[in-house]
Amino acid sequence: MKLHEITQKVGKKSKRIGRGIGSGRGKTAGRGTKGQNSRTGGGVRPGFEGGQTPLIRRIPKLKGFKSRNPKAKVINLDDLNKLSDGAKINDGTLVASGLILKGQKYKILNSGNLEKKLTLDTESVSKEAKKIIDKSTKEAKKAS
């Protein structure tokens, strides 16, 4: 729940500004005596800090652009040697082996040598890496 999501309780009566001092909410009506905030339409704009240089002007103007979409983590064939022989390559096994974090995007690239016989169960693979992994799987099937 956020501040802007809070709604008034159903059936709650609004604060009625009184008329006269005796009403309890008259005269200044809870606004205090004199000053900018006591006036109709009074108050300061959002971000105003009483004359001090505001935070938005104190922080530097940074150049460039930061993408909101995180880049995929690169997993090389060398890294897949951590997996056990005959394992399936999917999100679960990669998380379990510590190669990626849960929910992290990744892509397996052809860099290094693959010494294990693995089975592909993911789409995030480069064409060359896919060929090498499929080749190792076929060799494993022939051997058994």
N, C-alpha and C. Protein backbone atom coordinates (compact mmCIF):
# COMPACT_ATOMS: atom_id res chain seq x y z
N MET A 1 0.84 -1.18 0.00
CA MET A 1 0.00 0.00 0.00
C MET A 1 0.89 1.24 0.00
N LYS A 2 0.52 2.21 -0.81
CA LYS A 2 1.29 3.44 -0.91
C LYS A 2 0.42 4.60 -0.46
N LEU A 3 1.06 5.71 -0.16
CA LEU A 3 0.34 6.87 0.36
C LEU A 3 -0.77 7.33 -0.56
N HIS A 4 -0.52 7.30 -1.87
CA HIS A 4 -1.54 7.79 -2.80
C HIS A 4 -2.68 6.80 -3.01
N GLU A 5 -2.54 5.60 -2.45
CA GLU A 5 -3.58 4.59 -2.61
C GLU A 5 -4.57 4.59 -1.44
N ILE A 6 -4.28 5.35 -0.40
CA ILE A 6 -5.13 5.38 0.78
C ILE A 6 -6.41 6.14 0.46
N THR A 7 -7.54 5.56 0.80
CA THR A 7 -8.82 6.23 0.58
C THR A 7 -9.47 6.52 1.92
N GLN A 8 -10.37 7.49 1.91
CA GLN A 8 -11.06 7.85 3.13
C GLN A 8 -12.02 6.74 3.53
N LYS A 9 -12.19 6.54 4.82
CA LYS A 9 -13.07 5.50 5.32
C LYS A 9 -14.51 5.80 4.88
N VAL A 10 -15.21 4.76 4.43
CA VAL A 10 -16.58 4.94 3.96
C VAL A 10 -17.45 5.39 5.13
N GLY A 11 -18.23 6.45 4.91
CA GLY A 11 -19.12 6.94 5.95
C GLY A 11 -18.48 7.95 6.88
N LYS A 12 -17.19 8.22 6.71
CA LYS A 12 -16.51 9.18 7.58
C LYS A 12 -16.98 10.58 7.22
N LYS A 13 -17.31 11.35 8.24
CA LYS A 13 -17.75 12.72 8.00
C LYS A 13 -16.54 13.61 7.79
N SER A 14 -16.64 14.54 6.83
CA SER A 14 -15.52 15.43 6.57
C SER A 14 -15.39 16.45 7.70
N LYS A 15 -14.18 16.96 7.87
CA LYS A 15 -13.90 17.93 8.92
C LYS A 15 -14.67 19.22 8.60
N ARG A 16 -15.61 19.60 9.45
CA ARG A 16 -16.43 20.78 9.19
C ARG A 16 -15.81 21.97 9.88
N ILE A 17 -15.47 22.96 9.07
CA ILE A 17 -14.89 24.17 9.63
C ILE A 17 -15.99 24.94 10.35
N GLY A 18 -15.70 25.30 11.60
CA GLY A 18 -16.71 25.97 12.43
C GLY A 18 -16.89 27.44 12.08
N ARG A 19 -17.86 28.03 12.72
CA ARG A 19 -18.13 29.46 12.56
C ARG A 19 -18.06 30.09 13.94
N GLY A 20 -17.04 30.90 14.16
CA GLY A 20 -16.90 31.56 15.46
C GLY A 20 -16.01 30.78 16.40
N ILE A 21 -15.45 31.49 17.39
CA ILE A 21 -14.48 30.90 18.31
C ILE A 21 -15.09 29.78 19.14
N GLY A 22 -16.34 29.92 19.52
CA GLY A 22 -16.98 28.96 20.42
C GLY A 22 -17.17 27.58 19.80
N SER A 23 -17.11 27.47 18.49
CA SER A 23 -17.37 26.18 17.84
C SER A 23 -16.22 25.18 18.03
N GLY A 24 -15.04 25.68 18.38
CA GLY A 24 -13.89 24.79 18.52
C GLY A 24 -13.07 24.68 17.26
N ARG A 25 -13.69 24.94 16.13
CA ARG A 25 -12.95 24.90 14.86
C ARG A 25 -13.16 26.21 14.08
N GLY A 26 -13.41 27.26 14.80
CA GLY A 26 -13.66 28.55 14.15
C GLY A 26 -12.39 29.38 14.06
N LYS A 27 -12.56 30.65 13.82
CA LYS A 27 -11.49 31.64 13.68
C LYS A 27 -10.39 31.17 12.73
N THR A 28 -9.33 30.53 13.22
CA THR A 28 -8.23 30.11 12.33
C THR A 28 -8.46 28.72 11.75
N ALA A 29 -9.44 28.01 12.25
CA ALA A 29 -9.86 26.71 11.71
C ALA A 29 -8.72 25.70 11.61
N GLY A 30 -7.85 25.67 12.61
CA GLY A 30 -6.78 24.67 12.64
C GLY A 30 -5.59 25.00 11.77
N ARG A 31 -5.57 26.23 11.20
CA ARG A 31 -4.47 26.60 10.31
C ARG A 31 -3.38 27.41 11.02
N GLY A 32 -3.57 27.72 12.26
CA GLY A 32 -2.58 28.57 12.95
C GLY A 32 -2.84 30.03 12.64
N THR A 33 -1.98 30.89 13.17
CA THR A 33 -2.18 32.33 13.00
C THR A 33 -1.22 32.89 11.97
N LYS A 34 -1.74 33.54 10.99
CA LYS A 34 -0.97 34.21 9.93
C LYS A 34 0.03 33.29 9.23
N GLY A 35 0.66 33.81 8.22
CA GLY A 35 1.66 33.04 7.49
C GLY A 35 1.11 32.47 6.19
N GLN A 36 2.03 31.98 5.37
CA GLN A 36 1.68 31.51 4.03
C GLN A 36 0.66 30.37 4.07
N ASN A 37 0.82 29.46 5.01
CA ASN A 37 -0.06 28.28 5.04
C ASN A 37 -1.45 28.57 5.57
N SER A 38 -1.63 29.70 6.23
CA SER A 38 -2.96 30.03 6.76
C SER A 38 -3.84 30.66 5.70
N ARG A 39 -3.24 31.16 4.62
CA ARG A 39 -4.00 31.85 3.58
C ARG A 39 -4.69 30.85 2.64
N THR A 40 -5.74 31.32 2.00
CA THR A 40 -6.42 30.50 0.99
C THR A 40 -5.48 30.27 -0.17
N GLY A 41 -5.33 29.02 -0.58
CA GLY A 41 -4.42 28.71 -1.68
C GLY A 41 -2.97 28.79 -1.27
N GLY A 42 -2.72 28.91 0.03
CA GLY A 42 -1.35 29.05 0.52
C GLY A 42 -0.63 27.73 0.55
N GLY A 43 0.63 27.78 0.85
CA GLY A 43 1.47 26.58 0.89
C GLY A 43 2.57 26.70 -0.13
N VAL A 44 3.52 25.82 -0.05
CA VAL A 44 4.67 25.87 -0.95
C VAL A 44 4.56 24.77 -1.99
N ARG A 45 5.21 24.98 -3.11
CA ARG A 45 5.16 23.99 -4.19
C ARG A 45 5.91 22.72 -3.77
N PRO A 46 5.62 21.60 -4.40
CA PRO A 46 6.36 20.37 -4.11
C PRO A 46 7.84 20.55 -4.41
N GLY A 47 8.70 20.09 -3.53
CA GLY A 47 10.14 20.19 -3.74
C GLY A 47 10.74 21.46 -3.17
N PHE A 48 9.92 22.38 -2.66
CA PHE A 48 10.46 23.61 -2.08
C PHE A 48 11.00 23.30 -0.70
N GLU A 49 12.22 23.78 -0.41
CA GLU A 49 12.88 23.46 0.86
C GLU A 49 13.18 24.71 1.67
N GLY A 50 12.33 25.72 1.55
CA GLY A 50 12.49 26.91 2.38
C GLY A 50 13.62 27.82 1.94
N GLY A 51 13.99 27.81 0.70
CA GLY A 51 15.05 28.68 0.22
C GLY A 51 16.38 27.97 0.05
N GLN A 52 16.55 26.85 0.75
CA GLN A 52 17.76 26.03 0.57
C GLN A 52 17.74 25.48 -0.85
N THR A 53 18.93 25.33 -1.45
CA THR A 53 18.98 24.77 -2.80
C THR A 53 18.34 23.38 -2.77
N PRO A 54 17.29 23.18 -3.56
CA PRO A 54 16.56 21.91 -3.49
C PRO A 54 17.40 20.72 -3.95
N LEU A 55 17.01 19.57 -3.47
CA LEU A 55 17.72 18.33 -3.79
C LEU A 55 17.84 18.12 -5.29
N ILE A 56 16.78 18.41 -6.02
CA ILE A 56 16.78 18.18 -7.46
C ILE A 56 17.82 19.04 -8.17
N ARG A 57 18.19 20.18 -7.57
CA ARG A 57 19.22 21.04 -8.18
C ARG A 57 20.61 20.73 -7.63
N ARG A 58 20.67 20.04 -6.48
CA ARG A 58 21.97 19.71 -5.88
C ARG A 58 22.63 18.52 -6.55
N ILE A 59 21.81 17.59 -7.02
CA ILE A 59 22.41 16.39 -7.63
C ILE A 59 22.86 16.70 -9.05
N PRO A 60 23.93 16.05 -9.51
CA PRO A 60 24.49 16.39 -10.82
C PRO A 60 23.58 15.96 -11.97
N LYS A 61 23.74 16.69 -13.09
CA LYS A 61 23.02 16.33 -14.31
C LYS A 61 23.85 15.27 -15.01
N LEU A 62 23.41 14.05 -14.96
CA LEU A 62 24.18 12.96 -15.55
C LEU A 62 23.82 12.81 -17.02
N LYS A 63 24.83 12.58 -17.82
CA LYS A 63 24.60 12.42 -19.25
C LYS A 63 24.29 10.97 -19.56
N GLY A 64 23.72 10.78 -20.74
CA GLY A 64 23.50 9.43 -21.21
C GLY A 64 22.16 8.86 -20.80
N PHE A 65 22.08 7.57 -20.93
CA PHE A 65 20.82 6.86 -20.72
C PHE A 65 21.13 5.48 -20.16
N LYS A 66 20.43 5.08 -19.14
CA LYS A 66 20.60 3.74 -18.58
C LYS A 66 19.37 2.91 -18.97
N SER A 67 19.62 1.83 -19.65
CA SER A 67 18.53 0.97 -20.08
C SER A 67 17.86 0.32 -18.88
N ARG A 68 16.54 0.24 -18.93
CA ARG A 68 15.80 -0.40 -17.85
C ARG A 68 15.79 -1.91 -18.01
N ASN A 69 16.13 -2.39 -19.21
CA ASN A 69 16.17 -3.83 -19.45
C ASN A 69 17.57 -4.35 -19.17
N PRO A 70 17.72 -5.22 -18.17
CA PRO A 70 19.06 -5.71 -17.85
C PRO A 70 19.62 -6.57 -18.98
N LYS A 71 20.94 -6.48 -19.18
CA LYS A 71 21.58 -7.30 -20.21
C LYS A 71 21.62 -8.75 -19.75
N ALA A 72 21.55 -9.64 -20.71
CA ALA A 72 21.60 -11.07 -20.39
C ALA A 72 23.01 -11.44 -19.94
N LYS A 73 23.10 -12.33 -18.93
CA LYS A 73 24.40 -12.79 -18.46
C LYS A 73 24.96 -13.77 -19.48
N VAL A 74 26.24 -13.63 -19.78
CA VAL A 74 26.89 -14.52 -20.75
C VAL A 74 27.38 -15.76 -20.02
N ILE A 75 26.99 -16.92 -20.53
CA ILE A 75 27.50 -18.19 -20.00
C ILE A 75 28.27 -18.85 -21.14
N ASN A 76 29.55 -19.12 -20.90
CA ASN A 76 30.39 -19.75 -21.91
C ASN A 76 30.34 -21.27 -21.76
N LEU A 77 30.76 -21.98 -22.80
CA LEU A 77 30.77 -23.44 -22.74
C LEU A 77 31.67 -23.94 -21.61
N ASP A 78 32.75 -23.21 -21.33
CA ASP A 78 33.64 -23.57 -20.21
C ASP A 78 32.85 -23.65 -18.90
N ASP A 79 31.94 -22.70 -18.71
CA ASP A 79 31.16 -22.63 -17.47
C ASP A 79 30.25 -23.84 -17.31
N LEU A 80 29.80 -24.41 -18.43
CA LEU A 80 28.87 -25.55 -18.38
C LEU A 80 29.56 -26.82 -17.89
N ASN A 81 30.89 -26.82 -17.83
CA ASN A 81 31.62 -27.98 -17.32
C ASN A 81 31.38 -28.20 -15.82
N LYS A 82 30.81 -27.19 -15.14
CA LYS A 82 30.46 -27.33 -13.72
C LYS A 82 29.31 -28.30 -13.53
N LEU A 83 28.46 -28.43 -14.56
CA LEU A 83 27.30 -29.31 -14.46
C LEU A 83 27.74 -30.78 -14.53
N SER A 84 26.92 -31.66 -13.97
CA SER A 84 27.26 -33.09 -14.00
C SER A 84 27.00 -33.66 -15.39
N ASP A 85 27.68 -34.77 -15.69
CA ASP A 85 27.54 -35.42 -17.00
C ASP A 85 26.10 -35.85 -17.23
N GLY A 86 25.57 -35.59 -18.41
CA GLY A 86 24.21 -36.00 -18.77
C GLY A 86 23.12 -35.09 -18.24
N ALA A 87 23.49 -33.98 -17.63
CA ALA A 87 22.50 -33.05 -17.06
C ALA A 87 21.78 -32.29 -18.16
N LYS A 88 20.55 -31.86 -17.84
CA LYS A 88 19.80 -31.01 -18.76
C LYS A 88 20.18 -29.56 -18.49
N ILE A 89 20.35 -28.79 -19.56
CA ILE A 89 20.65 -27.37 -19.40
C ILE A 89 19.32 -26.62 -19.43
N ASN A 90 18.89 -26.15 -18.25
CA ASN A 90 17.69 -25.31 -18.16
C ASN A 90 17.86 -24.32 -17.01
N ASP A 91 16.86 -23.49 -16.79
CA ASP A 91 16.96 -22.46 -15.75
C ASP A 91 17.27 -23.07 -14.38
N GLY A 92 16.58 -24.14 -14.05
CA GLY A 92 16.74 -24.77 -12.73
C GLY A 92 18.15 -25.26 -12.47
N THR A 93 18.73 -25.98 -13.45
CA THR A 93 20.07 -26.52 -13.25
C THR A 93 21.12 -25.41 -13.20
N LEU A 94 20.91 -24.35 -14.00
CA LEU A 94 21.87 -23.24 -14.00
C LEU A 94 21.82 -22.47 -12.68
N VAL A 95 20.62 -22.33 -12.11
CA VAL A 95 20.48 -21.66 -10.80
C VAL A 95 21.11 -22.52 -9.72
N ALA A 96 20.83 -23.83 -9.76
CA ALA A 96 21.36 -24.76 -8.75
C ALA A 96 22.89 -24.79 -8.76
N SER A 97 23.48 -24.66 -9.95
CA SER A 97 24.94 -24.71 -10.05
C SER A 97 25.59 -23.36 -9.74
N GLY A 98 24.75 -22.32 -9.56
CA GLY A 98 25.28 -21.00 -9.21
C GLY A 98 25.75 -20.18 -10.41
N LEU A 99 25.42 -20.62 -11.61
CA LEU A 99 25.84 -19.87 -12.81
C LEU A 99 24.98 -18.62 -13.02
N ILE A 100 23.70 -18.69 -12.65
CA ILE A 100 22.82 -17.51 -12.76
C ILE A 100 21.99 -17.40 -11.49
N LEU A 101 21.36 -16.25 -11.30
CA LEU A 101 20.42 -16.05 -10.21
C LEU A 101 19.02 -16.40 -10.71
N LYS A 102 18.12 -16.71 -9.79
CA LYS A 102 16.76 -17.07 -10.17
C LYS A 102 16.10 -15.90 -10.90
N GLY A 103 15.55 -16.16 -12.07
CA GLY A 103 14.88 -15.13 -12.85
C GLY A 103 15.80 -14.28 -13.71
N GLN A 104 17.10 -14.54 -13.63
CA GLN A 104 18.07 -13.74 -14.41
C GLN A 104 18.09 -14.20 -15.87
N LYS A 105 18.20 -13.23 -16.78
CA LYS A 105 18.30 -13.57 -18.20
C LYS A 105 19.72 -14.02 -18.49
N TYR A 106 19.86 -14.95 -19.43
CA TYR A 106 21.19 -15.46 -19.76
C TYR A 106 21.23 -15.89 -21.22
N LYS A 107 22.44 -16.06 -21.73
CA LYS A 107 22.62 -16.60 -23.08
C LYS A 107 23.88 -17.44 -23.08
N ILE A 108 23.80 -18.65 -23.60
CA ILE A 108 24.95 -19.54 -23.67
C ILE A 108 25.66 -19.27 -24.99
N LEU A 109 26.96 -18.94 -24.90
CA LEU A 109 27.74 -18.61 -26.09
C LEU A 109 28.85 -19.62 -26.30
N ASN A 110 29.33 -19.68 -27.54
CA ASN A 110 30.38 -20.61 -27.92
C ASN A 110 31.74 -20.01 -27.60
N SER A 111 32.21 -20.23 -26.39
CA SER A 111 33.53 -19.76 -26.00
C SER A 111 34.12 -20.79 -25.05
N GLY A 112 35.21 -21.38 -25.44
CA GLY A 112 35.83 -22.42 -24.63
C GLY A 112 35.44 -23.80 -25.12
N ASN A 113 35.81 -24.81 -24.32
CA ASN A 113 35.56 -26.20 -24.70
C ASN A 113 34.54 -26.83 -23.76
N LEU A 114 33.69 -27.64 -24.33
CA LEU A 114 32.71 -28.38 -23.55
C LEU A 114 33.21 -29.80 -23.38
N GLU A 115 33.43 -30.21 -22.12
CA GLU A 115 33.96 -31.55 -21.86
C GLU A 115 32.90 -32.52 -21.36
N LYS A 116 31.70 -32.03 -21.08
CA LYS A 116 30.63 -32.88 -20.55
C LYS A 116 29.61 -33.16 -21.64
N LYS A 117 28.85 -34.24 -21.45
CA LYS A 117 27.76 -34.58 -22.35
C LYS A 117 26.48 -34.02 -21.72
N LEU A 118 25.91 -32.99 -22.34
CA LEU A 118 24.75 -32.31 -21.77
C LEU A 118 23.59 -32.30 -22.75
N THR A 119 22.37 -32.13 -22.22
CA THR A 119 21.17 -32.05 -23.04
C THR A 119 20.59 -30.65 -22.95
N LEU A 120 20.26 -30.07 -24.10
CA LEU A 120 19.70 -28.71 -24.14
C LEU A 120 18.22 -28.72 -23.79
N ASP A 121 17.81 -27.79 -22.94
CA ASP A 121 16.40 -27.64 -22.60
C ASP A 121 16.09 -26.15 -22.43
N THR A 122 16.69 -25.32 -23.29
CA THR A 122 16.50 -23.88 -23.22
C THR A 122 16.65 -23.27 -24.60
N GLU A 123 16.09 -22.07 -24.78
CA GLU A 123 16.14 -21.38 -26.07
C GLU A 123 17.27 -20.36 -26.12
N SER A 124 17.83 -20.00 -24.97
CA SER A 124 18.82 -18.92 -24.90
C SER A 124 20.22 -19.42 -25.22
N VAL A 125 20.42 -19.84 -26.46
CA VAL A 125 21.70 -20.40 -26.88
C VAL A 125 22.05 -19.85 -28.25
N SER A 126 23.34 -19.55 -28.47
CA SER A 126 23.77 -19.12 -29.80
C SER A 126 23.79 -20.33 -30.73
N LYS A 127 23.75 -20.08 -32.03
CA LYS A 127 23.71 -21.18 -33.01
C LYS A 127 24.92 -22.10 -32.88
N GLU A 128 26.10 -21.49 -32.77
CA GLU A 128 27.34 -22.28 -32.69
C GLU A 128 27.38 -23.12 -31.41
N ALA A 129 26.98 -22.52 -30.29
CA ALA A 129 26.98 -23.26 -29.02
C ALA A 129 25.97 -24.41 -29.09
N LYS A 130 24.84 -24.16 -29.72
CA LYS A 130 23.82 -25.20 -29.85
C LYS A 130 24.36 -26.39 -30.64
N LYS A 131 25.09 -26.12 -31.72
CA LYS A 131 25.69 -27.19 -32.52
C LYS A 131 26.61 -28.05 -31.67
N ILE A 132 27.48 -27.40 -30.90
CA ILE A 132 28.46 -28.13 -30.08
C ILE A 132 27.77 -28.97 -29.01
N ILE A 133 26.76 -28.39 -28.34
CA ILE A 133 26.05 -29.12 -27.28
C ILE A 133 25.28 -30.30 -27.88
N ASP A 134 24.62 -30.08 -29.02
CA ASP A 134 23.88 -31.17 -29.68
C ASP A 134 24.83 -32.28 -30.12
N LYS A 135 26.00 -31.89 -30.59
CA LYS A 135 27.01 -32.86 -31.03
C LYS A 135 27.47 -33.72 -29.84
N SER A 136 27.67 -33.09 -28.68
CA SER A 136 28.09 -33.84 -27.49
C SER A 136 26.99 -34.79 -27.04
N THR A 137 25.73 -34.38 -27.20
CA THR A 137 24.59 -35.23 -26.82
C THR A 137 24.52 -36.46 -27.72
N LYS A 138 24.71 -36.24 -29.02
CA LYS A 138 24.68 -37.36 -29.98
C LYS A 138 25.80 -38.35 -29.70
N GLU A 139 26.99 -37.83 -29.38
CA GLU A 139 28.12 -38.70 -29.06
C GLU A 139 27.83 -39.53 -27.82
N ALA A 140 27.16 -38.91 -26.85
CA ALA A 140 26.82 -39.62 -25.61
C ALA A 140 25.82 -40.74 -25.89
N LYS A 141 24.87 -40.49 -26.81
CA LYS A 141 23.88 -41.51 -27.14
C LYS A 141 24.52 -42.68 -27.89
N LYS A 142 25.49 -42.36 -28.77
CA LYS A 142 26.19 -43.42 -29.52
C LYS A 142 27.00 -44.30 -28.58
N ALA A 143 27.63 -43.69 -27.58
CA ALA A 143 28.49 -44.43 -26.65
C ALA A 143 27.68 -45.39 -25.78
N SER A 144 26.45 -45.02 -25.45
CA SER A 144 25.66 -45.88 -24.55
C SER A 144 24.85 -46.91 -25.26
